[in-house]
Amino acid sequence: MSRTKVQVLIAFLSVALLGSLAANFVGFRACKAFYTRLQVAKLDPLGLLAASNLERKVLSNEATESATLLFFGDSRARQWAAMAPPEGHHCINGGINDQTTEQIAERFKAQILTIHPEFLVIQMGINDLKAIPLLEARKERIVQRCKENIDRILRAALTQECDVILTTVFPLGQLPLSRRLVWSEDVASAIDEVNDYIQSLGAERVHIMDTKKVLAGDDGVIKRGYSRDFLHLNEGAYEALNVELMAMIEEIRLKS
């Protein structure tokens, strides 16, 4: 083998080794982050110990009847309140990352009954439904339990003197290569089923926001200009949602 070929082979193997080391490091970091979240969830399953904006305001008695909007739910609700709060409104952030509807329902009374917002904006559900590809045999139960928890939260919310704006589960973005081995089209159909249920819950003080009409293109996927990643939105998307939200609030106030 010529010296040039040996050098090329060595260079190739070096690059391959560095690539393998980098991939292993990224994989290790991802596993560590996942394991850390798992342990946090075990120690604080409802997220009540998290130093969120919601708890800081409650503990410092800042959460009063002057609160206009309380965003409640998972990371999508949290990012809405943190990333693009509607201008001119006093907002409280009640979202916690990675939470399922079960967790959100359980912490509702512990966190919300001391706050009296004018409007309660709820976004949740994706963390239940994204588990379906890994728990295929439990798909029907996951969807049913998601619906039951939405109903529990809604009934608890209606004990408050506020209007509830219940949003449909946000649509998904473009499926990345990294998720294809742990994903299924069943998630999209489950989102549609849960959203159909949410649409049926409209009532005198329950107002349904169809987020798909705001966020998705003709293919049902989040518009590229609105997507931060597969499951989450960017600031522009939340600003578009705010246009719809403010229109709903104005209409509700005119009718009251």
C-alpha atoms as a PDB file:
ATOM      1  CA  MET A   1       0.000   0.000   0.000  1.00  0.00           C
ATOM      2  CA  SER A   2       1.402   3.370  -0.984  1.00  0.00           C
ATOM      3  CA  ARG A   3       2.233   6.040   1.576  1.00  0.00           C
ATOM      4  CA  THR A   4      -0.529   8.285   0.199  1.00  0.00           C
ATOM      5  CA  LYS A   5      -3.139   5.568   0.611  1.00  0.00           C
ATOM      6  CA  VAL A   6      -1.965   4.905   4.161  1.00  0.00           C
ATOM      7  CA  GLN A   7      -2.289   8.606   4.991  1.00  0.00           C
ATOM      8  CA  VAL A   8      -5.779   8.694   3.497  1.00  0.00           C
ATOM      9  CA  LEU A   9      -6.781   5.594   5.481  1.00  0.00           C
ATOM     10  CA  ILE A  10      -5.390   7.051   8.700  1.00  0.00           C
ATOM     11  CA  ALA A  11      -7.204  10.332   8.070  1.00  0.00           C
ATOM     12  CA  PHE A  12     -10.459   8.451   7.375  1.00  0.00           C
ATOM     13  CA  LEU A  13     -10.142   6.333  10.516  1.00  0.00           C
ATOM     14  CA  SER A  14      -9.313   9.421  12.577  1.00  0.00           C
ATOM     15  CA  VAL A  15     -12.399  11.221  11.328  1.00  0.00           C
ATOM     16  CA  ALA A  16     -14.506   8.122  11.946  1.00  0.00           C
ATOM     17  CA  LEU A  17     -13.112   7.830  15.471  1.00  0.00           C
ATOM     18  CA  LEU A  18     -13.771  11.488  16.227  1.00  0.00           C
ATOM     19  CA  GLY A  19     -17.299  11.158  14.816  1.00  0.00           C
ATOM     20  CA  SER A  20     -17.940   8.099  16.972  1.00  0.00           C
ATOM     21  CA  LEU A  21     -16.638   9.870  20.072  1.00  0.00           C
ATOM     22  CA  ALA A  22     -18.807  12.906  19.326  1.00  0.00           C
ATOM     23  CA  ALA A  23     -21.888  10.726  18.772  1.00  0.00           C
ATOM     24  CA  ASN A  24     -21.246   8.844  22.011  1.00  0.00           C
ATOM     25  CA  PHE A  25     -20.812  12.103  23.902  1.00  0.00           C
ATOM     26  CA  VAL A  26     -24.071  13.502  22.491  1.00  0.00           C
ATOM     27  CA  GLY A  27     -25.828  10.229  23.309  1.00  0.00           C
ATOM     28  CA  PHE A  28     -24.443  10.269  26.851  1.00  0.00           C
ATOM     29  CA  ARG A  29     -25.593  13.859  27.379  1.00  0.00           C
ATOM     30  CA  ALA A  30     -29.067  13.011  26.080  1.00  0.00           C
ATOM     31  CA  CYS A  31     -29.329   9.941  28.315  1.00  0.00           C
ATOM     32  CA  LYS A  32     -28.101  11.899  31.330  1.00  0.00           C
ATOM     33  CA  ALA A  33     -30.616  14.690  30.675  1.00  0.00           C
ATOM     34  CA  PHE A  34     -33.441  12.157  30.317  1.00  0.00           C
ATOM     35  CA  TYR A  35     -32.398  10.304  33.485  1.00  0.00           C
ATOM     36  CA  THR A  36     -32.169  13.596  35.373  1.00  0.00           C
ATOM     37  CA  ARG A  37     -35.712  14.585  34.295  1.00  0.00           C
ATOM     38  CA  LEU A  38     -36.933  11.142  35.343  1.00  0.00           C
ATOM     39  CA  GLN A  39     -35.454  11.513  38.828  1.00  0.00           C
ATOM     40  CA  VAL A  40     -36.855  15.030  39.205  1.00  0.00           C
ATOM     41  CA  ALA A  41     -40.302  13.712  38.220  1.00  0.00           C
ATOM     42  CA  LYS A  42     -40.030  10.955  40.825  1.00  0.00           C
ATOM     43  CA  LEU A  43     -39.004  13.364  43.574  1.00  0.00           C
ATOM     44  CA  ASP A  44     -41.492  16.082  42.605  1.00  0.00           C
ATOM     45  CA  PRO A  45     -44.151  14.376  40.423  1.00  0.00           C
ATOM     46  CA  LEU A  46     -46.435  17.413  40.258  1.00  0.00           C
ATOM     47  CA  GLY A  47     -43.716  20.013  39.807  1.00  0.00           C
ATOM     48  CA  LEU A  48     -44.801  21.830  42.960  1.00  0.00           C
ATOM     49  CA  LEU A  49     -41.221  22.477  44.024  1.00  0.00           C
ATOM     50  CA  ALA A  50     -40.224  24.079  40.735  1.00  0.00           C
ATOM     51  CA  ALA A  51     -39.340  27.755  41.097  1.00  0.00           C
ATOM     52  CA  SER A  52     -41.778  28.872  38.437  1.00  0.00           C
ATOM     53  CA  ASN A  53     -43.117  32.362  37.862  1.00  0.00           C
ATOM     54  CA  LEU A  54     -46.447  31.102  39.146  1.00  0.00           C
ATOM     55  CA  GLU A  55     -45.128  30.024  42.524  1.00  0.00           C
ATOM     56  CA  ARG A  56     -42.953  33.099  43.013  1.00  0.00           C
ATOM     57  CA  LYS A  57     -45.980  35.317  42.427  1.00  0.00           C
ATOM     58  CA  VAL A  58     -48.202  33.259  44.721  1.00  0.00           C
ATOM     59  CA  LEU A  59     -45.643  33.094  47.519  1.00  0.00           C
ATOM     60  CA  SER A  60     -44.984  36.832  47.324  1.00  0.00           C
ATOM     61  CA  ASN A  61     -48.724  37.593  47.205  1.00  0.00           C
ATOM     62  CA  GLU A  62     -48.348  39.172  43.767  1.00  0.00           C
ATOM     63  CA  ALA A  63     -50.996  36.886  42.263  1.00  0.00           C
ATOM     64  CA  THR A  64     -54.136  38.869  42.926  1.00  0.00           C
ATOM     65  CA  GLU A  65     -57.398  39.550  41.208  1.00  0.00           C
ATOM     66  CA  SER A  66     -55.551  42.009  38.978  1.00  0.00           C
ATOM     67  CA  ALA A  67     -54.188  39.065  36.972  1.00  0.00           C
ATOM     68  CA  THR A  68     -55.670  39.209  33.494  1.00  0.00           C
ATOM     69  CA  LEU A  69     -54.362  35.975  32.002  1.00  0.00           C
ATOM     70  CA  LEU A  70     -53.176  32.781  33.641  1.00  0.00           C
ATOM     71  CA  PHE A  71     -51.520  30.346  31.229  1.00  0.00           C
ATOM     72  CA  PHE A  72     -51.703  26.810  32.591  1.00  0.00           C
ATOM     73  CA  GLY A  73     -50.475  23.469  31.297  1.00  0.00           C
ATOM     74  CA  ASP A  74     -47.271  22.024  29.849  1.00  0.00           C
ATOM     75  CA  SER A  75     -44.172  23.512  28.188  1.00  0.00           C
ATOM     76  CA  ARG A  76     -46.250  24.912  25.346  1.00  0.00           C
ATOM     77  CA  ALA A  77     -48.264  26.970  27.822  1.00  0.00           C
ATOM     78  CA  ARG A  78     -45.105  27.937  29.689  1.00  0.00           C
ATOM     79  CA  GLN A  79     -43.385  29.179  26.537  1.00  0.00           C
ATOM     80  CA  TRP A  80     -46.477  31.109  25.491  1.00  0.00           C
ATOM     81  CA  ALA A  81     -46.444  33.127  28.708  1.00  0.00           C
ATOM     82  CA  ALA A  82     -42.657  33.478  28.796  1.00  0.00           C
ATOM     83  CA  MET A  83     -41.841  34.010  25.123  1.00  0.00           C
ATOM     84  CA  ALA A  84     -44.645  36.232  23.865  1.00  0.00           C
ATOM     85  CA  PRO A  85     -47.022  37.396  26.611  1.00  0.00           C
ATOM     86  CA  PRO A  86     -49.889  39.423  25.140  1.00  0.00           C
ATOM     87  CA  GLU A  87     -48.970  43.092  25.287  1.00  0.00           C
ATOM     88  CA  GLY A  88     -50.860  45.184  27.810  1.00  0.00           C
ATOM     89  CA  HIS A  89     -52.020  42.228  29.902  1.00  0.00           C
ATOM     90  CA  HIS A  90     -50.899  41.031  33.328  1.00  0.00           C
ATOM     91  CA  CYS A  91     -49.937  37.401  32.685  1.00  0.00           C
ATOM     92  CA  ILE A  92     -49.022  34.620  35.091  1.00  0.00           C
ATOM     93  CA  ASN A  93     -47.071  31.590  33.912  1.00  0.00           C
ATOM     94  CA  GLY A  94     -48.512  28.295  35.142  1.00  0.00           C
ATOM     95  CA  GLY A  95     -46.854  25.977  32.630  1.00  0.00           C
ATOM     96  CA  ILE A  96     -44.381  23.250  33.594  1.00  0.00           C
ATOM     97  CA  ASN A  97     -42.225  21.422  31.067  1.00  0.00           C
ATOM     98  CA  ASP A  98     -42.895  17.743  30.214  1.00  0.00           C
ATOM     99  CA  GLN A  99     -46.097  17.498  32.247  1.00  0.00           C
ATOM    100  CA  THR A 100     -48.927  15.161  31.317  1.00  0.00           C
ATOM    101  CA  THR A 101     -52.604  15.958  31.808  1.00  0.00           C
ATOM    102  CA  GLU A 102     -52.512  13.699  34.879  1.00  0.00           C
ATOM    103  CA  GLN A 103     -49.872  15.874  36.529  1.00  0.00           C
ATOM    104  CA  ILE A 104     -51.576  19.093  35.441  1.00  0.00           C
ATOM    105  CA  ALA A 105     -54.920  17.930  36.829  1.00  0.00           C
ATOM    106  CA  GLU A 106     -53.393  16.903  40.155  1.00  0.00           C
ATOM    107  CA  ARG A 107     -51.609  20.213  40.716  1.00  0.00           C
ATOM    108  CA  PHE A 108     -54.557  22.393  39.688  1.00  0.00           C
ATOM    109  CA  LYS A 109     -56.055  22.738  43.148  1.00  0.00           C
ATOM    110  CA  ALA A 110     -52.664  23.095  44.809  1.00  0.00           C
ATOM    111  CA  GLN A 111     -51.673  26.036  42.635  1.00  0.00           C
ATOM    112  CA  ILE A 112     -54.675  27.690  41.044  1.00  0.00           C
ATOM    113  CA  LEU A 113     -57.338  28.129  43.704  1.00  0.00           C
ATOM    114  CA  THR A 114     -55.414  31.023  45.265  1.00  0.00           C
ATOM    115  CA  ILE A 115     -55.388  32.972  41.996  1.00  0.00           C
ATOM    116  CA  HIS A 116     -58.388  34.697  40.450  1.00  0.00           C
ATOM    117  CA  PRO A 117     -57.536  35.552  36.843  1.00  0.00           C
ATOM    118  CA  GLU A 118     -60.000  37.093  34.463  1.00  0.00           C
ATOM    119  CA  PHE A 119     -59.087  34.466  31.854  1.00  0.00           C
ATOM    120  CA  LEU A 120     -57.553  31.013  32.261  1.00  0.00           C
ATOM    121  CA  VAL A 121     -55.775  29.814  29.094  1.00  0.00           C
ATOM    122  CA  ILE A 122     -55.099  26.060  29.043  1.00  0.00           C
ATOM    123  CA  GLN A 123     -52.796  24.159  26.660  1.00  0.00           C
ATOM    124  CA  MET A 124     -51.932  20.488  27.329  1.00  0.00           C
ATOM    125  CA  GLY A 125     -52.124  16.934  26.032  1.00  0.00           C
ATOM    126  CA  ILE A 126     -49.078  16.336  23.839  1.00  0.00           C
ATOM    127  CA  ASN A 127     -47.019  14.731  26.617  1.00  0.00           C
ATOM    128  CA  ASP A 128     -49.703  12.056  27.033  1.00  0.00           C
ATOM    129  CA  LEU A 129     -50.102  11.341  23.346  1.00  0.00           C
ATOM    130  CA  LYS A 130     -46.423  11.323  22.362  1.00  0.00           C
ATOM    131  CA  ALA A 131     -46.010   8.195  24.537  1.00  0.00           C
ATOM    132  CA  ILE A 132     -48.263   6.144  22.255  1.00  0.00           C
ATOM    133  CA  PRO A 133     -45.493   4.815  19.937  1.00  0.00           C
ATOM    134  CA  LEU A 134     -43.710   3.323  22.956  1.00  0.00           C
ATOM    135  CA  LEU A 135     -46.907   2.018  24.587  1.00  0.00           C
ATOM    136  CA  GLU A 136     -48.930   0.870  21.583  1.00  0.00           C
ATOM    137  CA  ALA A 137     -51.030  -1.609  23.560  1.00  0.00           C
ATOM    138  CA  ARG A 138     -52.213   1.234  25.818  1.00  0.00           C
ATOM    139  CA  LYS A 139     -53.158   3.677  23.048  1.00  0.00           C
ATOM    140  CA  GLU A 140     -56.920   3.662  23.687  1.00  0.00           C
ATOM    141  CA  ARG A 141     -56.427   4.037  27.435  1.00  0.00           C
ATOM    142  CA  ILE A 142     -53.918   6.880  26.985  1.00  0.00           C
ATOM    143  CA  VAL A 143     -56.354   8.788  24.776  1.00  0.00           C
ATOM    144  CA  GLN A 144     -59.291   8.108  27.089  1.00  0.00           C
ATOM    145  CA  ARG A 145     -57.351   9.135  30.179  1.00  0.00           C
ATOM    146  CA  CYS A 146     -56.241  12.320  28.442  1.00  0.00           C
ATOM    147  CA  LYS A 147     -59.885  13.193  27.791  1.00  0.00           C
ATOM    148  CA  GLU A 148     -60.842  12.385  31.389  1.00  0.00           C
ATOM    149  CA  ASN A 149     -58.103  14.624  32.766  1.00  0.00           C
ATOM    150  CA  ILE A 150     -59.124  17.488  30.488  1.00  0.00           C
ATOM    151  CA  ASP A 151     -62.644  17.123  31.844  1.00  0.00           C
ATOM    152  CA  ARG A 152     -61.338  17.077  35.450  1.00  0.00           C
ATOM    153  CA  ILE A 153     -59.332  20.238  34.906  1.00  0.00           C
ATOM    154  CA  LEU A 154     -62.223  21.963  33.197  1.00  0.00           C
ATOM    155  CA  ARG A 155     -64.642  21.147  36.014  1.00  0.00           C
ATOM    156  CA  ALA A 156     -62.153  22.450  38.570  1.00  0.00           C
ATOM    157  CA  ALA A 157     -61.536  25.584  36.491  1.00  0.00           C
ATOM    158  CA  LEU A 158     -65.235  26.369  36.374  1.00  0.00           C
ATOM    159  CA  THR A 159     -65.287  26.667  40.152  1.00  0.00           C
ATOM    160  CA  GLN A 160     -63.306  29.883  39.642  1.00  0.00           C
ATOM    161  CA  GLU A 161     -64.919  33.166  38.659  1.00  0.00           C
ATOM    162  CA  CYS A 162     -63.171  33.345  35.307  1.00  0.00           C
ATOM    163  CA  ASP A 163     -63.630  32.523  31.660  1.00  0.00           C
ATOM    164  CA  VAL A 164     -61.714  29.494  30.445  1.00  0.00           C
ATOM    165  CA  ILE A 165     -60.041  29.509  27.035  1.00  0.00           C
ATOM    166  CA  LEU A 166     -59.327  25.853  26.302  1.00  0.00           C
ATOM    167  CA  THR A 167     -56.983  25.431  23.358  1.00  0.00           C
ATOM    168  CA  THR A 168     -56.795  22.388  21.143  1.00  0.00           C
ATOM    169  CA  VAL A 169     -53.548  20.403  21.261  1.00  0.00           C
ATOM    170  CA  PHE A 170     -51.072  22.185  18.995  1.00  0.00           C
ATOM    171  CA  PRO A 171     -50.350  20.403  15.690  1.00  0.00           C
ATOM    172  CA  LEU A 172     -46.969  18.752  15.115  1.00  0.00           C
ATOM    173  CA  GLY A 173     -44.016  20.040  13.120  1.00  0.00           C
ATOM    174  CA  GLN A 174     -41.983  18.196  10.489  1.00  0.00           C
ATOM    175  CA  LEU A 175     -40.935  14.772  11.815  1.00  0.00           C
ATOM    176  CA  PRO A 176     -37.138  14.777  12.270  1.00  0.00           C
ATOM    177  CA  LEU A 177     -34.989  11.760  11.406  1.00  0.00           C
ATOM    178  CA  SER A 178     -33.978  11.332  15.053  1.00  0.00           C
ATOM    179  CA  ARG A 179     -37.589  10.582  16.096  1.00  0.00           C
ATOM    180  CA  ARG A 180     -38.637   8.235  13.308  1.00  0.00           C
ATOM    181  CA  LEU A 181     -37.739   5.032  15.143  1.00  0.00           C
ATOM    182  CA  VAL A 182     -39.827   6.048  18.168  1.00  0.00           C
ATOM    183  CA  TRP A 183     -42.759   7.683  16.412  1.00  0.00           C
ATOM    184  CA  SER A 184     -46.029   6.620  14.851  1.00  0.00           C
ATOM    185  CA  GLU A 185     -48.805   8.139  12.770  1.00  0.00           C
ATOM    186  CA  ASP A 186     -51.072   7.039  15.627  1.00  0.00           C
ATOM    187  CA  VAL A 187     -49.987  10.163  17.517  1.00  0.00           C
ATOM    188  CA  ALA A 188     -51.465  12.477  14.878  1.00  0.00           C
ATOM    189  CA  SER A 189     -54.745  10.536  14.840  1.00  0.00           C
ATOM    190  CA  ALA A 190     -54.841  10.617  18.653  1.00  0.00           C
ATOM    191  CA  ILE A 191     -54.339  14.396  18.598  1.00  0.00           C
ATOM    192  CA  ASP A 192     -57.265  14.688  16.179  1.00  0.00           C
ATOM    193  CA  GLU A 193     -59.446  12.532  18.445  1.00  0.00           C
ATOM    194  CA  VAL A 194     -58.602  14.539  21.566  1.00  0.00           C
ATOM    195  CA  ASN A 195     -59.109  17.801  19.694  1.00  0.00           C
ATOM    196  CA  ASP A 196     -62.540  16.665  18.510  1.00  0.00           C
ATOM    197  CA  TYR A 197     -63.373  16.035  22.165  1.00  0.00           C
ATOM    198  CA  ILE A 198     -62.068  19.464  23.176  1.00  0.00           C
ATOM    199  CA  GLN A 199     -64.203  21.076  20.468  1.00  0.00           C
ATOM    200  CA  SER A 200     -67.277  19.457  22.057  1.00  0.00           C
ATOM    201  CA  LEU A 201     -66.633  21.107  25.428  1.00  0.00           C
ATOM    202  CA  GLY A 202     -67.569  24.673  24.524  1.00  0.00           C
ATOM    203  CA  ALA A 203     -70.039  26.218  26.970  1.00  0.00           C
ATOM    204  CA  GLU A 204     -71.082  29.547  28.448  1.00  0.00           C
ATOM    205  CA  ARG A 205     -67.773  30.129  30.226  1.00  0.00           C
ATOM    206  CA  VAL A 206     -65.681  27.696  28.208  1.00  0.00           C
ATOM    207  CA  HIS A 207     -64.300  29.050  24.944  1.00  0.00           C
ATOM    208  CA  ILE A 208     -62.448  26.792  22.502  1.00  0.00           C
ATOM    209  CA  MET A 209     -59.470  28.046  20.511  1.00  0.00           C
ATOM    210  CA  ASP A 210     -58.782  25.947  17.400  1.00  0.00           C
ATOM    211  CA  THR A 211     -55.008  26.321  17.222  1.00  0.00           C
ATOM    212  CA  LYS A 212     -54.689  24.251  14.058  1.00  0.00           C
ATOM    213  CA  LYS A 213     -56.421  26.994  12.060  1.00  0.00           C
ATOM    214  CA  VAL A 214     -53.802  29.472  13.253  1.00  0.00           C
ATOM    215  CA  LEU A 215     -50.661  27.341  13.150  1.00  0.00           C
ATOM    216  CA  ALA A 216     -50.955  24.669  10.464  1.00  0.00           C
ATOM    217  CA  GLY A 217     -50.619  24.697   6.712  1.00  0.00           C
ATOM    218  CA  ASP A 218     -52.780  22.759   4.259  1.00  0.00           C
ATOM    219  CA  ASP A 219     -50.906  19.557   5.144  1.00  0.00           C
ATOM    220  CA  GLY A 220     -51.901  19.849   8.792  1.00  0.00           C
ATOM    221  CA  VAL A 221     -48.297  20.381   9.880  1.00  0.00           C
ATOM    222  CA  ILE A 222     -47.109  23.515  11.695  1.00  0.00           C
ATOM    223  CA  LYS A 223     -46.011  26.126   9.187  1.00  0.00           C
ATOM    224  CA  ARG A 224     -42.220  26.219   8.888  1.00  0.00           C
ATOM    225  CA  GLY A 225     -42.162  29.873   9.879  1.00  0.00           C
ATOM    226  CA  TYR A 226     -43.861  28.988  13.171  1.00  0.00           C
ATOM    227  CA  SER A 227     -41.873  25.921  14.200  1.00  0.00           C
ATOM    228  CA  ARG A 228     -39.045  25.941  16.744  1.00  0.00           C
ATOM    229  CA  ASP A 229     -38.769  22.155  16.711  1.00  0.00           C
ATOM    230  CA  PHE A 230     -41.005  19.127  16.187  1.00  0.00           C
ATOM    231  CA  LEU A 231     -43.149  19.790  19.263  1.00  0.00           C
ATOM    232  CA  HIS A 232     -42.597  23.462  20.053  1.00  0.00           C
ATOM    233  CA  LEU A 233     -43.353  26.859  18.560  1.00  0.00           C
ATOM    234  CA  ASN A 234     -41.277  29.978  18.018  1.00  0.00           C
ATOM    235  CA  GLU A 235     -42.150  33.507  19.089  1.00  0.00           C
ATOM    236  CA  GLY A 236     -43.820  34.297  15.759  1.00  0.00           C
ATOM    237  CA  ALA A 237     -46.255  31.427  16.269  1.00  0.00           C
ATOM    238  CA  TYR A 238     -47.202  32.667  19.718  1.00  0.00           C
ATOM    239  CA  GLU A 239     -47.698  36.158  18.367  1.00  0.00           C
ATOM    240  CA  ALA A 240     -50.108  34.703  15.786  1.00  0.00           C
ATOM    241  CA  LEU A 241     -51.917  32.856  18.582  1.00  0.00           C
ATOM    242  CA  ASN A 242     -52.115  36.118  20.526  1.00  0.00           C
ATOM    243  CA  VAL A 243     -54.023  37.752  17.671  1.00  0.00           C
ATOM    244  CA  GLU A 244     -56.651  35.015  17.952  1.00  0.00           C
ATOM    245  CA  LEU A 245     -56.568  35.108  21.750  1.00  0.00           C
ATOM    246  CA  MET A 246     -57.076  38.866  21.968  1.00  0.00           C
ATOM    247  CA  ALA A 247     -59.948  38.683  19.483  1.00  0.00           C
ATOM    248  CA  MET A 248     -61.604  36.013  21.631  1.00  0.00           C
ATOM    249  CA  ILE A 249     -61.106  38.035  24.808  1.00  0.00           C
ATOM    250  CA  GLU A 250     -62.589  41.146  23.225  1.00  0.00           C
ATOM    251  CA  GLU A 251     -65.614  39.175  22.048  1.00  0.00           C
ATOM    252  CA  ILE A 252     -66.104  37.605  25.475  1.00  0.00           C
ATOM    253  CA  ARG A 253     -65.923  40.978  27.192  1.00  0.00           C
ATOM    254  CA  LEU A 254     -68.445  42.483  24.783  1.00  0.00           C
ATOM    255  CA  LYS A 255     -70.912  39.720  25.558  1.00  0.00           C
ATOM    256  CA  SER A 256     -70.504  39.946  29.340  1.00  0.00           C
END
